[in-house]
Amino acid sequence: MTGDPSLIQEEFERAAQGFAARTKGRFDAMGVPEFSRVEPHETVLEVGAGTGNFLSLFEARAARLLGLDLTHGMLKEARKKHPSQELVVADGLRMPLRNRSIDLVTSAQALHHIFEPVPFLQEMRRVCTQGGRVLIVDQLATESYEQIAFMNEVEALRDPSHAMSRPRSAFLAIVMAAGLEIIDERLFEDQSRFSKWMWPGEFPEERIEKVRQFVVKFGRETGMDFEPDGDDWIFTRRRIMLLAQRAG
């Protein structure tokens, strides 16, 4: 179950154009195609494909690229920039695909919009072939309960469709509960800026100000290492990348 599918649609319809520009190149240095073991004859599906930036990493590396998303506006941007992708508006909990039909089923930056991720991953497992893989990429919280609480608060202020940022231990438990077995894992950490995270072209000015005030007051409590830098803030962004297969 997502926090609210209609809220996700509303937020990303509004932000689609700015989101496409802000997230361009976000995953380029992560070595995603190599990590996923994708083969030239395989089909890759991204659940929550958004504007197609992540799925585009597999262009010229896989035989077929499929993308599903709840939001028409996001897929409209994807079609403009990535015409080779086959894109459908659909719910990731009820995918219009046959059992065991996809070689590589992926999800990038979608799980933190989902309160109950196990059914979501079980649906990804359902459409994955017997010898296929499930690839998960998402933002990562620290293992501190207090920092997770503050991080989720600031993320929800920033994006009302946010459900939950999770620590590594939670991802491992979720994957196992969905009937998947992890075969590889990578953690990433880099520096970002508040001015890019809360891009004025994508977010309403009043929301930017609310998040800024929260960061001033509680930024150090989030585990995101916020530090002032003139009129801006520098902070740490952490991500996890997990590759899994059917367990048993």
Protein backbone atom coordinates (compact mmCIF):
# COMPACT_ATOMS: atom_id res chain seq x y z
CA MET A 1 0.00 0.00 0.00
CA THR A 2 1.29 3.45 -0.86
CA GLY A 3 0.74 6.37 1.48
CA ASP A 4 -1.87 7.70 -0.96
CA PRO A 5 -1.71 6.97 -4.72
CA SER A 6 -3.71 10.11 -5.51
CA LEU A 7 -1.24 12.21 -3.52
CA ILE A 8 1.68 10.66 -5.42
CA GLN A 9 -0.07 11.44 -8.71
CA GLU A 10 -0.84 15.01 -7.66
CA GLU A 11 2.71 15.71 -6.47
CA PHE A 12 4.47 14.29 -9.51
CA GLU A 13 2.02 15.66 -12.08
CA ARG A 14 2.82 19.10 -10.70
CA ALA A 15 6.57 18.56 -10.58
CA ALA A 16 7.17 16.42 -13.69
CA GLN A 17 9.08 18.91 -15.83
CA GLY A 18 11.32 20.16 -13.04
CA PHE A 19 11.86 16.63 -11.75
CA ALA A 20 13.11 15.46 -15.15
CA ALA A 21 15.72 18.21 -15.27
CA ARG A 22 16.79 17.98 -11.61
CA THR A 23 17.34 14.22 -11.63
CA LYS A 24 19.15 13.97 -14.97
CA GLY A 25 22.41 12.08 -14.43
CA ARG A 26 21.53 11.14 -10.83
CA PHE A 27 22.42 7.48 -11.31
CA ASP A 28 25.09 7.71 -14.01
CA ALA A 29 28.09 7.07 -11.74
CA MET A 30 26.58 4.10 -9.88
CA GLY A 31 27.46 1.39 -12.42
CA VAL A 32 23.86 0.20 -12.50
CA PRO A 33 23.86 -1.91 -15.73
CA GLU A 34 27.00 -3.77 -14.72
CA PHE A 35 25.75 -4.34 -11.18
CA SER A 36 22.43 -5.71 -12.48
CA ARG A 37 24.15 -8.30 -14.75
CA VAL A 38 21.88 -7.25 -17.61
CA GLU A 39 22.35 -9.21 -20.87
CA PRO A 40 21.71 -7.89 -24.43
CA HIS A 41 18.79 -10.30 -25.01
CA GLU A 42 16.94 -9.38 -21.78
CA THR A 43 13.87 -7.28 -21.01
CA VAL A 44 14.17 -4.63 -18.28
CA LEU A 45 11.13 -3.30 -16.43
CA GLU A 46 11.18 -0.28 -14.12
CA VAL A 47 8.30 0.06 -11.67
CA GLY A 48 7.82 3.75 -10.88
CA ALA A 49 9.72 4.78 -14.01
CA GLY A 50 8.98 8.48 -13.65
CA THR A 51 10.66 10.49 -16.41
CA GLY A 52 12.72 7.54 -17.63
CA ASN A 53 16.14 8.71 -16.48
CA PHE A 54 16.98 5.53 -14.57
CA LEU A 55 15.58 3.19 -17.21
CA SER A 56 17.65 4.99 -19.87
CA LEU A 57 20.80 3.55 -18.28
CA PHE A 58 19.87 0.26 -19.96
CA GLU A 59 19.47 1.70 -23.46
CA ALA A 60 21.74 -0.15 -25.93
CA ARG A 61 22.35 -2.76 -23.19
CA ALA A 62 19.04 -4.64 -23.16
CA ALA A 63 16.65 -5.85 -25.85
CA ARG A 64 13.52 -4.15 -24.47
CA LEU A 65 12.80 -1.42 -21.93
CA LEU A 66 9.42 -1.27 -20.18
CA GLY A 67 8.32 1.38 -17.69
CA LEU A 68 5.27 1.62 -15.43
CA ASP A 69 4.23 4.67 -13.43
CA LEU A 70 1.12 6.06 -11.74
CA THR A 71 1.58 9.51 -13.23
CA HIS A 72 0.69 10.59 -16.77
CA GLY A 73 2.79 13.76 -16.54
CA MET A 74 5.98 11.89 -15.62
CA LEU A 75 5.57 9.44 -18.49
CA LYS A 76 4.82 12.31 -20.88
CA GLU A 77 8.26 13.74 -20.05
CA ALA A 78 9.81 10.28 -20.43
CA ARG A 79 8.32 9.84 -23.91
CA LYS A 80 9.83 13.15 -25.04
CA LYS A 81 13.34 12.23 -23.92
CA HIS A 82 13.40 8.44 -24.27
CA PRO A 83 11.28 7.35 -27.25
CA SER A 84 12.67 3.79 -27.21
CA GLN A 85 11.03 3.07 -23.85
CA GLU A 86 7.62 1.35 -23.76
CA LEU A 87 5.68 3.19 -21.06
CA VAL A 88 2.34 2.42 -19.42
CA VAL A 89 0.35 4.12 -16.66
CA ALA A 90 -0.19 1.40 -14.07
CA ASP A 91 -0.06 0.61 -10.35
CA GLY A 92 3.03 -1.29 -9.22
CA LEU A 93 0.87 -3.39 -6.91
CA ARG A 94 -1.22 -4.68 -9.85
CA MET A 95 1.04 -4.84 -12.87
CA PRO A 96 -0.59 -5.82 -16.20
CA LEU A 97 2.11 -8.43 -16.85
CA ARG A 98 2.27 -12.21 -16.88
CA ASN A 99 3.95 -14.24 -14.15
CA ARG A 100 7.68 -14.78 -14.68
CA SER A 101 7.84 -12.67 -17.85
CA ILE A 102 10.58 -10.10 -17.09
CA ASP A 103 14.34 -10.74 -16.83
CA LEU A 104 15.25 -7.69 -14.73
CA VAL A 105 12.61 -5.94 -12.62
CA THR A 106 13.82 -2.64 -11.18
CA SER A 107 12.65 0.10 -8.86
CA ALA A 108 14.63 3.29 -8.27
CA GLN A 109 13.67 5.88 -5.65
CA ALA A 110 10.16 4.45 -5.34
CA LEU A 111 10.15 2.44 -2.11
CA HIS A 112 10.30 5.53 0.13
CA HIS A 113 6.87 6.44 -1.27
CA ILE A 114 5.42 3.14 -0.01
CA PHE A 115 4.41 2.46 3.61
CA GLU A 116 4.03 -1.29 3.07
CA PRO A 117 6.80 -2.33 0.65
CA VAL A 118 6.56 -6.13 0.99
CA PRO A 119 3.48 -6.54 -1.29
CA PHE A 120 5.17 -4.19 -3.79
CA LEU A 121 8.30 -6.35 -3.86
CA GLN A 122 6.22 -9.52 -4.01
CA GLU A 123 4.56 -8.17 -7.16
CA MET A 124 8.01 -7.46 -8.62
CA ARG A 125 9.00 -11.03 -7.73
CA ARG A 126 5.84 -12.36 -9.40
CA VAL A 127 6.71 -10.93 -12.81
CA CYS A 128 10.42 -11.81 -12.56
CA THR A 129 11.57 -14.90 -14.47
CA GLN A 130 12.90 -17.90 -12.58
CA GLY A 131 16.50 -16.99 -13.40
CA GLY A 132 15.91 -13.24 -13.40
CA ARG A 133 16.77 -10.51 -10.92
CA VAL A 134 15.08 -7.78 -8.91
CA LEU A 135 17.04 -4.53 -8.57
CA ILE A 136 16.22 -2.03 -5.82
CA VAL A 137 17.70 1.46 -5.50
CA ASP A 138 16.47 3.83 -2.83
CA GLN A 139 17.51 6.49 -0.36
CA LEU A 140 18.99 5.29 2.90
CA ALA A 141 18.52 6.41 6.49
CA THR A 142 20.94 5.78 9.34
CA GLU A 143 20.30 3.02 11.88
CA SER A 144 19.34 5.57 14.56
CA TYR A 145 15.62 5.53 15.37
CA GLU A 146 15.71 9.20 16.37
CA GLN A 147 17.50 10.26 13.17
CA ILE A 148 15.09 8.21 11.05
CA ALA A 149 12.16 10.06 12.66
CA PHE A 150 13.67 13.48 11.93
CA MET A 151 14.67 12.47 8.40
CA ASN A 152 11.15 11.28 7.62
CA GLU A 153 9.72 14.50 8.99
CA VAL A 154 11.85 16.72 6.77
CA GLU A 155 11.27 14.46 3.75
CA ALA A 156 7.48 14.64 4.24
CA LEU A 157 7.65 18.43 4.52
CA ARG A 158 9.59 18.49 1.27
CA ASP A 159 7.34 15.99 -0.51
CA PRO A 160 3.90 15.14 0.94
CA SER A 161 3.89 11.84 -0.98
CA HIS A 162 6.91 10.61 1.00
CA ALA A 163 6.13 7.55 3.13
CA MET A 164 9.29 6.34 4.86
CA SER A 165 13.08 6.45 4.56
CA ARG A 166 14.58 3.22 5.89
CA PRO A 167 17.92 1.98 7.24
CA ARG A 168 19.90 -0.85 5.65
CA SER A 169 18.61 -3.35 8.22
CA ALA A 170 15.02 -2.64 7.18
CA PHE A 171 15.79 -3.17 3.49
CA LEU A 172 17.35 -6.54 4.23
CA ALA A 173 14.29 -7.62 6.24
CA ILE A 174 11.84 -6.37 3.58
CA VAL A 175 13.62 -8.19 0.76
CA MET A 176 13.67 -11.45 2.71
CA ALA A 177 9.98 -11.10 3.67
CA ALA A 178 9.10 -10.71 -0.02
CA GLY A 179 10.62 -14.10 -0.85
CA LEU A 180 13.81 -12.70 -2.36
CA GLU A 181 17.45 -13.47 -1.68
CA ILE A 182 20.11 -10.74 -1.96
CA ILE A 183 22.97 -11.62 -4.29
CA ASP A 184 24.79 -8.28 -4.30
CA GLU A 185 24.71 -4.96 -2.45
CA ARG A 186 26.29 -1.51 -2.71
CA LEU A 187 26.01 1.58 -0.54
CA PHE A 188 26.58 5.09 -1.89
CA GLU A 189 27.22 8.39 -0.17
CA ASP A 190 27.72 11.80 -1.74
CA GLN A 191 27.32 15.48 -1.00
CA SER A 192 24.41 17.55 -2.23
CA ARG A 193 23.05 21.05 -1.75
CA PHE A 194 19.76 22.28 -0.35
CA SER A 195 19.36 24.58 -3.38
CA LYS A 196 19.35 21.55 -5.71
CA TRP A 197 17.33 19.30 -3.39
CA MET A 198 14.65 22.02 -3.09
CA TRP A 199 14.94 23.36 -6.62
CA PRO A 200 12.79 26.52 -7.04
CA GLY A 201 11.70 25.37 -10.49
CA GLU A 202 10.15 22.25 -8.98
CA PHE A 203 8.94 23.18 -5.49
CA PRO A 204 6.57 25.96 -4.31
CA GLU A 205 8.40 28.79 -2.56
CA GLU A 206 6.40 28.44 0.67
CA ARG A 207 7.36 24.77 0.90
CA ILE A 208 11.03 25.58 0.33
CA GLU A 209 10.87 28.03 3.21
CA LYS A 210 9.22 25.51 5.56
CA VAL A 211 11.91 22.94 4.83
CA ARG A 212 14.62 25.57 5.25
CA GLN A 213 13.27 26.49 8.68
CA PHE A 214 13.18 22.82 9.68
CA VAL A 215 16.79 22.35 8.57
CA VAL A 216 17.89 25.39 10.56
CA LYS A 217 16.26 23.99 13.68
CA PHE A 218 16.65 20.21 13.31
CA GLY A 219 19.03 19.56 10.40
CA ARG A 220 21.72 18.03 12.61
CA GLU A 221 19.17 15.56 14.04
CA THR A 222 18.30 13.97 10.67
CA GLY A 223 21.53 12.02 10.17
CA MET A 224 21.92 13.88 6.87
CA ASP A 225 24.89 15.96 8.09
CA PHE A 226 23.45 19.37 7.19
CA GLU A 227 26.07 22.13 7.33
CA PRO A 228 25.53 25.81 6.39
CA ASP A 229 27.44 27.10 3.36
CA GLY A 230 26.71 30.79 2.90
CA ASP A 231 23.06 31.11 1.95
CA ASP A 232 22.92 27.41 1.14
CA TRP A 233 23.33 24.10 2.99
CA ILE A 234 25.51 21.08 2.18
CA PHE A 235 24.27 17.67 3.27
CA THR A 236 24.92 13.95 2.76
CA ARG A 237 22.73 11.80 0.54
CA ARG A 238 22.93 8.03 1.07
CA ARG A 239 21.55 5.32 -1.21
CA ILE A 240 21.40 1.55 -1.20
CA MET A 241 21.46 -0.68 -4.29
CA LEU A 242 20.37 -4.29 -3.85
CA LEU A 243 20.28 -7.09 -6.42
CA ALA A 244 18.08 -10.07 -5.53
CA GLN A 245 16.64 -13.25 -6.95
CA ARG A 246 13.87 -15.64 -5.97
CA ALA A 247 14.63 -17.40 -2.71
CA GLY A 248 14.33 -21.17 -3.06
